[in-house]
PDB file of N, CA and C in Angstrom:
ATOM      1  N   MET A   1      19.754  63.485-186.753  1.00  0.00           N
ATOM      2  CA  MET A   1      19.886  62.176-186.147  1.00  0.00           C
ATOM      3  C   MET A   1      20.110  61.159-187.267  1.00  0.00           C
ATOM      4  N   PRO A   2      21.160  60.359-187.151  1.00  0.00           N
ATOM      5  CA  PRO A   2      21.421  59.377-188.194  1.00  0.00           C
ATOM      6  C   PRO A   2      20.400  58.246-188.176  1.00  0.00           C
ATOM      7  N   TYR A   3      20.152  57.709-189.364  1.00  0.00           N
ATOM      8  CA  TYR A   3      19.221  56.593-189.499  1.00  0.00           C
ATOM      9  C   TYR A   3      19.876  55.342-188.948  1.00  0.00           C
ATOM     10  N   VAL A   4      19.154  54.563-188.159  1.00  0.00           N
ATOM     11  CA  VAL A   4      19.645  53.304-187.609  1.00  0.00           C
ATOM     12  C   VAL A   4      18.843  52.181-188.236  1.00  0.00           C
ATOM     13  N   ASN A   5      19.525  51.298-188.949  1.00  0.00           N
ATOM     14  CA  ASN A   5      18.873  50.152-189.576  1.00  0.00           C
ATOM     15  C   ASN A   5      18.630  49.095-188.516  1.00  0.00           C
ATOM     16  N   GLN A   6      17.364  48.816-188.209  1.00  0.00           N
ATOM     17  CA  GLN A   6      17.030  47.892-187.134  1.00  0.00           C
ATOM     18  C   GLN A   6      17.403  46.455-187.463  1.00  0.00           C
ATOM     19  N   GLU A   7      17.649  46.165-188.736  1.00  0.00           N
ATOM     20  CA  GLU A   7      18.055  44.814-189.097  1.00  0.00           C
ATOM     21  C   GLU A   7      19.443  44.503-188.565  1.00  0.00           C
ATOM     22  N   ASN A   8      20.258  45.533-188.303  1.00  0.00           N
ATOM     23  CA  ASN A   8      21.610  45.339-187.796  1.00  0.00           C
ATOM     24  C   ASN A   8      21.679  45.335-186.277  1.00  0.00           C
ATOM     25  N   ILE A   9      20.541  45.497-185.617  1.00  0.00           N
ATOM     26  CA  ILE A   9      20.508  45.511-184.160  1.00  0.00           C
ATOM     27  C   ILE A   9      20.358  44.075-183.660  1.00  0.00           C
ATOM     28  N   PRO A  10      21.177  43.661-182.676  1.00  0.00           N
ATOM     29  CA  PRO A  10      21.036  42.299-182.140  1.00  0.00           C
ATOM     30  C   PRO A  10      19.616  42.068-181.616  1.00  0.00           C
ATOM     31  N   GLU A  11      19.148  40.851-181.719  1.00  0.00           N
ATOM     32  CA  GLU A  11      17.776  40.505-181.330  1.00  0.00           C
ATOM     33  C   GLU A  11      17.472  40.909-179.882  1.00  0.00           C
ATOM     34  N   TRP A  12      18.426  40.731-178.987  1.00  0.00           N
ATOM     35  CA  TRP A  12      18.171  41.038-177.581  1.00  0.00           C
ATOM     36  C   TRP A  12      17.908  42.532-177.361  1.00  0.00           C
ATOM     37  N   MET A  13      18.346  43.391-178.289  1.00  0.00           N
ATOM     38  CA  MET A  13      18.112  44.824-178.147  1.00  0.00           C
ATOM     39  C   MET A  13      16.758  45.251-178.714  1.00  0.00           C
ATOM     40  N   ASN A  14      16.104  44.402-179.472  1.00  0.00           N
ATOM     41  CA  ASN A  14      14.825  44.747-180.080  1.00  0.00           C
ATOM     42  C   ASN A  14      13.671  44.694-179.088  1.00  0.00           C
ATOM     43  N   TYR A  15      13.872  44.105-177.944  1.00  0.00           N
ATOM     44  CA  TYR A  15      12.803  43.987-176.975  1.00  0.00           C
ATOM     45  C   TYR A  15      12.309  45.373-176.575  1.00  0.00           C
ATOM     46  N   GLY A  16      11.039  45.635-176.793  1.00  0.00           N
ATOM     47  CA  GLY A  16      10.424  46.895-176.384  1.00  0.00           C
ATOM     48  C   GLY A  16      10.578  48.030-177.376  1.00  0.00           C
ATOM     49  N   LEU A  17      11.300  47.816-178.487  1.00  0.00           N
ATOM     50  CA  LEU A  17      11.432  48.894-179.470  1.00  0.00           C
ATOM     51  C   LEU A  17      10.110  49.117-180.186  1.00  0.00           C
ATOM     52  N   LYS A  18       9.802  50.358-180.469  1.00  0.00           N
ATOM     53  CA  LYS A  18       8.554  50.679-181.152  1.00  0.00           C
ATOM     54  C   LYS A  18       8.848  51.451-182.431  1.00  0.00           C
ATOM     55  N   GLY A  19       9.730  50.929-183.247  1.00  0.00           N
ATOM     56  CA  GLY A  19       9.917  51.515-184.563  1.00  0.00           C
ATOM     57  C   GLY A  19      11.209  52.244-184.813  1.00  0.00           C
ATOM     58  N   SER A  20      11.873  52.773-183.802  1.00  0.00           N
ATOM     59  CA  SER A  20      13.104  53.495-184.086  1.00  0.00           C
ATOM     60  C   SER A  20      13.975  53.547-182.836  1.00  0.00           C
ATOM     61  N   VAL A  21      15.210  53.884-183.076  1.00  0.00           N
ATOM     62  CA  VAL A  21      16.163  54.094-181.985  1.00  0.00           C
ATOM     63  C   VAL A  21      16.532  55.558-182.023  1.00  0.00           C
ATOM     64  N   GLU A  22      16.517  56.192-180.902  1.00  0.00           N
ATOM     65  CA  GLU A  22      16.796  57.618-180.837  1.00  0.00           C
ATOM     66  C   GLU A  22      18.084  57.847-180.070  1.00  0.00           C
ATOM     67  N   GLN A  23      18.972  58.633-180.636  1.00  0.00           N
ATOM     68  CA  GLN A  23      20.187  58.997-179.927  1.00  0.00           C
ATOM     69  C   GLN A  23      19.913  60.250-179.106  1.00  0.00           C
ATOM     70  N   LEU A  24      20.348  60.229-177.866  1.00  0.00           N
ATOM     71  CA  LEU A  24      20.118  61.366-176.980  1.00  0.00           C
ATOM     72  C   LEU A  24      21.389  62.198-176.876  1.00  0.00           C
ATOM     73  N   PHE A  25      21.212  63.502-176.862  1.00  0.00           N
ATOM     74  CA  PHE A  25      22.328  64.415-176.628  1.00  0.00           C
ATOM     75  C   PHE A  25      22.363  64.721-175.142  1.00  0.00           C
ATOM     76  N   ILE A  26      23.460  64.389-174.518  1.00  0.00           N
ATOM     77  CA  ILE A  26      23.624  64.666-173.090  1.00  0.00           C
ATOM     78  C   ILE A  26      24.809  65.615-172.958  1.00  0.00           C
ATOM     79  N   PRO A  27      24.539  66.853-172.565  1.00  0.00           N
ATOM     80  CA  PRO A  27      25.631  67.822-172.474  1.00  0.00           C
ATOM     81  C   PRO A  27      26.638  67.410-171.403  1.00  0.00           C
ATOM     82  N   SER A  28      27.898  67.708-171.667  1.00  0.00           N
ATOM     83  CA  SER A  28      28.944  67.332-170.717  1.00  0.00           C
ATOM     84  C   SER A  28      29.137  68.386-169.625  1.00  0.00           C
ATOM     85  N   ASN A  29      28.571  69.597-169.816  1.00  0.00           N
ATOM     86  CA  ASN A  29      28.737  70.643-168.812  1.00  0.00           C
ATOM     87  C   ASN A  29      27.653  70.545-167.733  1.00  0.00           C
ATOM     88  N   GLN A  30      27.879  71.227-166.654  1.00  0.00           N
ATOM     89  CA  GLN A  30      26.917  71.272-165.558  1.00  0.00           C
ATOM     90  C   GLN A  30      25.819  72.269-165.906  1.00  0.00           C
ATOM     91  N   PRO A  31      24.535  71.907-165.746  1.00  0.00           N
ATOM     92  CA  PRO A  31      23.439  72.801-166.144  1.00  0.00           C
ATOM     93  C   PRO A  31      23.471  74.166-165.466  1.00  0.00           C
ATOM     94  N   LEU A  32      23.717  74.221-164.176  1.00  0.00           N
ATOM     95  CA  LEU A  32      23.721  75.510-163.485  1.00  0.00           C
ATOM     96  C   LEU A  32      24.875  76.380-163.972  1.00  0.00           C
ATOM     97  N   THR A  33      26.030  75.776-164.179  1.00  0.00           N
ATOM     98  CA  THR A  33      27.176  76.520-164.686  1.00  0.00           C
ATOM     99  C   THR A  33      26.873  77.089-166.066  1.00  0.00           C
ATOM    100  N   ALA A  34      26.257  76.284-166.923  1.00  0.00           N
ATOM    101  CA  ALA A  34      25.901  76.741-168.273  1.00  0.00           C
ATOM    102  C   ALA A  34      24.874  77.864-168.206  1.00  0.00           C
ATOM    103  N   GLU A  35      23.897  77.740-167.314  1.00  0.00           N
ATOM    104  CA  GLU A  35      22.867  78.776-167.182  1.00  0.00           C
ATOM    105  C   GLU A  35      23.481  80.091-166.702  1.00  0.00           C
ATOM    106  N   LEU A  36      24.333  80.019-165.699  1.00  0.00           N
ATOM    107  CA  LEU A  36      24.964  81.240-165.181  1.00  0.00           C
ATOM    108  C   LEU A  36      25.900  81.865-166.214  1.00  0.00           C
ATOM    109  N   SER A  37      26.619  81.034-166.957  1.00  0.00           N
ATOM    110  CA  SER A  37      27.500  81.543-168.003  1.00  0.00           C
ATOM    111  C   SER A  37      26.696  82.269-169.078  1.00  0.00           C
ATOM    112  N   HIS A  38      25.559  81.703-169.465  1.00  0.00           N
ATOM    113  CA  HIS A  38      24.705  82.350-170.456  1.00  0.00           C
ATOM    114  C   HIS A  38      24.143  83.661-169.902  1.00  0.00           C
ATOM    115  N   PHE A  39      23.746  83.658-168.635  1.00  0.00           N
ATOM    116  CA  PHE A  39      23.220  84.883-168.011  1.00  0.00           C
ATOM    117  C   PHE A  39      24.266  85.993-168.038  1.00  0.00           C
ATOM    118  N   ILE A  40      25.493  85.656-167.684  1.00  0.00           N
ATOM    119  CA  ILE A  40      26.568  86.654-167.676  1.00  0.00           C
ATOM    120  C   ILE A  40      26.814  87.170-169.090  1.00  0.00           C
ATOM    121  N   SER A  41      26.770  86.271-170.068  1.00  0.00           N
ATOM    122  CA  SER A  41      26.936  86.694-171.460  1.00  0.00           C
ATOM    123  C   SER A  41      25.834  87.657-171.880  1.00  0.00           C
ATOM    124  N   CYS A  42      24.611  87.415-171.409  1.00  0.00           N
ATOM    125  CA  CYS A  42      23.495  88.319-171.717  1.00  0.00           C
ATOM    126  C   CYS A  42      23.700  89.679-171.064  1.00  0.00           C
ATOM    127  N   VAL A  43      24.117  89.671-169.811  1.00  0.00           N
ATOM    128  CA  VAL A  43      24.352  90.934-169.098  1.00  0.00           C
ATOM    129  C   VAL A  43      25.443  91.745-169.796  1.00  0.00           C
ATOM    130  N   ASN A  44      26.457  91.052-170.299  1.00  0.00           N
ATOM    131  CA  ASN A  44      27.564  91.730-170.984  1.00  0.00           C
ATOM    132  C   ASN A  44      27.234  92.098-172.425  1.00  0.00           C
ATOM    133  N   GLY A  45      26.016  91.783-172.878  1.00  0.00           N
ATOM    134  CA  GLY A  45      25.603  92.109-174.230  1.00  0.00           C
ATOM    135  C   GLY A  45      26.174  91.186-175.294  1.00  0.00           C
ATOM    136  N   GLU A  46      26.719  90.048-174.895  1.00  0.00           N
ATOM    137  CA  GLU A  46      27.327  89.109-175.840  1.00  0.00           C
ATOM    138  C   GLU A  46      26.338  88.063-176.345  1.00  0.00           C
ATOM    139  N   ALA A  47      25.181  87.955-175.705  1.00  0.00           N
ATOM    140  CA  ALA A  47      24.188  86.942-176.092  1.00  0.00           C
ATOM    141  C   ALA A  47      22.791  87.497-175.856  1.00  0.00           C
ATOM    142  N   THR A  48      21.814  86.844-176.452  1.00  0.00           N
ATOM    143  CA  THR A  48      20.414  87.213-176.287  1.00  0.00           C
ATOM    144  C   THR A  48      19.760  86.180-175.376  1.00  0.00           C
ATOM    145  N   PRO A  49      18.935  86.608-174.415  1.00  0.00           N
ATOM    146  CA  PRO A  49      18.268  85.637-173.538  1.00  0.00           C
ATOM    147  C   PRO A  49      17.476  84.610-174.346  1.00  0.00           C
ATOM    148  N   ARG A  50      17.555  83.351-173.932  1.00  0.00           N
ATOM    149  CA  ARG A  50      16.839  82.286-174.623  1.00  0.00           C
ATOM    150  C   ARG A  50      15.348  82.332-174.350  1.00  0.00           C
ATOM    151  N   ILE A  51      14.975  82.892-173.223  1.00  0.00           N
ATOM    152  CA  ILE A  51      13.569  83.010-172.823  1.00  0.00           C
ATOM    153  C   ILE A  51      13.252  84.485-172.655  1.00  0.00           C
ATOM    154  N   SER A  52      12.138  84.915-173.251  1.00  0.00           N
ATOM    155  CA  SER A  52      11.758  86.324-173.119  1.00  0.00           C
ATOM    156  C   SER A  52      11.172  86.567-171.731  1.00  0.00           C
ATOM    157  N   GLY A  53      11.149  87.818-171.344  1.00  0.00           N
ATOM    158  CA  GLY A  53      10.535  88.187-170.072  1.00  0.00           C
ATOM    159  C   GLY A  53       9.061  87.819-170.041  1.00  0.00           C
ATOM    160  N   GLU A  54       8.383  87.980-171.182  1.00  0.00           N
ATOM    161  CA  GLU A  54       6.964  87.632-171.274  1.00  0.00           C
ATOM    162  C   GLU A  54       6.753  86.124-171.062  1.00  0.00           C
ATOM    163  N   ASN A  55       7.610  85.305-171.686  1.00  0.00           N
ATOM    164  CA  ASN A  55       7.490  83.853-171.492  1.00  0.00           C
ATOM    165  C   ASN A  55       7.754  83.456-170.043  1.00  0.00           C
ATOM    166  N   ALA A  56       8.750  84.090-169.437  1.00  0.00           N
ATOM    167  CA  ALA A  56       9.066  83.793-168.042  1.00  0.00           C
ATOM    168  C   ALA A  56       7.895  84.171-167.132  1.00  0.00           C
ATOM    169  N   PHE A  57       7.289  85.323-167.416  1.00  0.00           N
ATOM    170  CA  PHE A  57       6.150  85.765-166.617  1.00  0.00           C
ATOM    171  C   PHE A  57       4.960  84.817-166.776  1.00  0.00           C
ATOM    172  N   ASP A  58       4.728  84.338-168.008  1.00  0.00           N
ATOM    173  CA  ASP A  58       3.661  83.357-168.247  1.00  0.00           C
ATOM    174  C   ASP A  58       3.912  82.082-167.441  1.00  0.00           C
ATOM    175  N   ALA A  59       5.167  81.650-167.373  1.00  0.00           N
ATOM    176  CA  ALA A  59       5.507  80.455-166.598  1.00  0.00           C
ATOM    177  C   ALA A  59       5.247  80.688-165.111  1.00  0.00           C
ATOM    178  N   LEU A  60       5.587  81.875-164.620  1.00  0.00           N
ATOM    179  CA  LEU A  60       5.318  82.194-163.217  1.00  0.00           C
ATOM    180  C   LEU A  60       3.824  82.162-162.917  1.00  0.00           C
ATOM    181  N   LYS A  61       3.004  82.674-163.835  1.00  0.00           N
ATOM    182  CA  LYS A  61       1.555  82.663-163.614  1.00  0.00           C
ATOM    183  C   LYS A  61       1.036  81.230-163.501  1.00  0.00           C
ATOM    184  N   VAL A  62       1.576  80.329-164.318  1.00  0.00           N
ATOM    185  CA  VAL A  62       1.174  78.915-164.227  1.00  0.00           C
ATOM    186  C   VAL A  62       1.589  78.331-162.878  1.00  0.00           C
ATOM    187  N   ILE A  63       2.811  78.627-162.454  1.00  0.00           N
ATOM    188  CA  ILE A  63       3.299  78.127-161.161  1.00  0.00           C
ATOM    189  C   ILE A  63       2.432  78.663-160.027  1.00  0.00           C
ATOM    190  N   TRP A  64       2.112  79.944-160.067  1.00  0.00           N
ATOM    191  CA  TRP A  64       1.277  80.535-159.016  1.00  0.00           C
ATOM    192  C   TRP A  64      -0.106  79.882-158.984  1.00  0.00           C
ATOM    193  N   GLU A  65      -0.662  79.617-160.157  1.00  0.00           N
ATOM    194  CA  GLU A  65      -1.989  78.988-160.214  1.00  0.00           C
ATOM    195  C   GLU A  65      -1.946  77.575-159.624  1.00  0.00           C
ATOM    196  N   VAL A  66      -0.890  76.829-159.928  1.00  0.00           N
ATOM    197  CA  VAL A  66      -0.740  75.479-159.368  1.00  0.00           C
ATOM    198  C   VAL A  66      -0.608  75.564-157.848  1.00  0.00           C
ATOM    199  N   GLU A  67       0.202  76.501-157.369  1.00  0.00           N
ATOM    200  CA  GLU A  67       0.346  76.679-155.922  1.00  0.00           C
ATOM    201  C   GLU A  67      -0.986  77.017-155.272  1.00  0.00           C
ATOM    202  N   ASP A  68      -1.746  77.892-155.923  1.00  0.00           N
ATOM    203  CA  ASP A  68      -3.058  78.262-155.386  1.00  0.00           C
ATOM    204  C   ASP A  68      -3.973  77.041-155.300  1.00  0.00           C
ATOM    205  N   LYS A  69      -4.002  76.246-156.370  1.00  0.00           N
ATOM    206  CA  LYS A  69      -4.883  75.067-156.405  1.00  0.00           C
ATOM    207  C   LYS A  69      -4.480  74.045-155.360  1.00  0.00           C
ATOM    208  N   LEU A  70      -3.170  73.950-155.083  1.00  0.00           N
ATOM    209  CA  LEU A  70      -2.687  72.996-154.081  1.00  0.00           C
ATOM    210  C   LEU A  70      -2.731  73.559-152.665  1.00  0.00           C
ATOM    211  N   GLY A  71      -3.028  74.844-152.549  1.00  0.00           N
ATOM    212  CA  GLY A  71      -3.091  75.475-151.233  1.00  0.00           C
ATOM    213  C   GLY A  71      -1.733  75.602-150.584  1.00  0.00           C
ATOM    214  N   LEU A  72      -0.699  75.832-151.374  1.00  0.00           N
ATOM    215  CA  LEU A  72       0.659  75.883-150.839  1.00  0.00           C
ATOM    216  C   LEU A  72       1.066  77.239-150.288  1.00  0.00           C
ATOM    217  N   LEU A  73       0.310  78.274-150.589  1.00  0.00           N
ATOM    218  CA  LEU A  73       0.686  79.608-150.135  1.00  0.00           C
ATOM    219  C   LEU A  73      -0.210  80.067-148.996  1.00  0.00           C
ATOM    220  N   ALA A  74       0.385  80.760-148.065  1.00  0.00           N
ATOM    221  CA  ALA A  74      -0.384  81.261-146.928  1.00  0.00           C
ATOM    222  C   ALA A  74      -0.393  82.783-146.899  1.00  0.00           C
ATOM    223  N   HIS A  75      -0.104  83.415-148.027  1.00  0.00           N
ATOM    224  CA  HIS A  75      -0.111  84.880-148.085  1.00  0.00           C
ATOM    225  C   HIS A  75      -1.537  85.402-148.179  1.00  0.00           C
ATOM    226  N   GLU A  76      -1.691  86.693-147.897  1.00  0.00           N
ATOM    227  CA  GLU A  76      -3.011  87.310-147.995  1.00  0.00           C
ATOM    228  C   GLU A  76      -3.531  87.251-149.425  1.00  0.00           C
ATOM    229  N   GLU A  77      -2.686  87.589-150.396  1.00  0.00           N
ATOM    230  CA  GLU A  77      -3.077  87.534-151.799  1.00  0.00           C
ATOM    231  C   GLU A  77      -2.409  86.317-152.430  1.00  0.00           C
ATOM    232  N   THR A  78      -3.200  85.271-152.658  1.00  0.00           N
ATOM    233  CA  THR A  78      -2.600  84.050-153.197  1.00  0.00           C
ATOM    234  C   THR A  78      -3.043  83.746-154.605  1.00  0.00           C
ATOM    235  N   SER A  79      -3.971  84.481-155.158  1.00  0.00           N
ATOM    236  CA  SER A  79      -4.420  84.133-156.504  1.00  0.00           C
ATOM    237  C   SER A  79      -3.422  84.606-157.549  1.00  0.00           C
ATOM    238  N   ALA A  80      -3.313  83.849-158.624  1.00  0.00           N
ATOM    239  CA  ALA A  80      -2.400  84.213-159.709  1.00  0.00           C
ATOM    240  C   ALA A  80      -2.763  85.547-160.308  1.00  0.00           C
ATOM    241  N   GLN A  81      -4.067  85.847-160.363  1.00  0.00           N
ATOM    242  CA  GLN A  81      -4.484  87.125-160.949  1.00  0.00           C
ATOM    243  C   GLN A  81      -4.023  88.303-160.112  1.00  0.00           C
ATOM    244  N   SER A  82      -4.107  88.174-158.806  1.00  0.00           N
ATOM    245  CA  SER A  82      -3.677  89.287-157.966  1.00  0.00           C
ATOM    246  C   SER A  82      -2.172  89.461-158.034  1.00  0.00           C
ATOM    247  N   LYS A  83      -1.413  88.361-158.155  1.00  0.00           N
ATOM    248  CA  LYS A  83       0.031  88.458-158.298  1.00  0.00           C
ATOM    249  C   LYS A  83       0.377  89.095-159.630  1.00  0.00           C
ATOM    250  N   ALA A  84      -0.320  88.669-160.666  1.00  0.00           N
ATOM    251  CA  ALA A  84      -0.042  89.197-162.003  1.00  0.00           C
ATOM    252  C   ALA A  84      -0.333  90.699-162.059  1.00  0.00           C
ATOM    253  N   SER A  85      -1.415  91.119-161.439  1.00  0.00           N
ATOM    254  CA  SER A  85      -1.745  92.543-161.466  1.00  0.00           C
ATOM    255  C   SER A  85      -0.769  93.349-160.611  1.00  0.00           C
ATOM    256  N   ALA A  86      -0.229  92.736-159.559  1.00  0.00           N
ATOM    257  CA  ALA A  86       0.728  93.431-158.716  1.00  0.00           C
ATOM    258  C   ALA A  86       2.047  93.633-159.444  1.00  0.00           C
ATOM    259  N   VAL A  87       2.427  92.657-160.277  1.00  0.00           N
ATOM    260  CA  VAL A  87       3.680  92.752-161.009  1.00  0.00           C
ATOM    261  C   VAL A  87       3.546  93.684-162.203  1.00  0.00           C
ATOM    262  N   ALA A  88       2.381  93.652-162.851  1.00  0.00           N
ATOM    263  CA  ALA A  88       2.169  94.461-164.064  1.00  0.00           C
ATOM    264  C   ALA A  88       2.057  95.908-163.775  1.00  0.00           C
TER     265      ALA A  88
END
């Protein structure tokens, strides 16, 4: 990220600044298209998955626990532990 000298910023832009200006990278492609393209590349052996299966499973356990705490599931086995043991 390039350094931005705040002395060169017009006064009206300084309102609310807390020390620095950050440039954001906004991809021009569609997120779902990029995700599917990467998935296909992984299936074809041209790329490595960005997220491991273990990390994905950990994320699912967190989601299941949140669902359990919110009472969003009406299945017989709703605890994250029972789901995790069923998958493992």
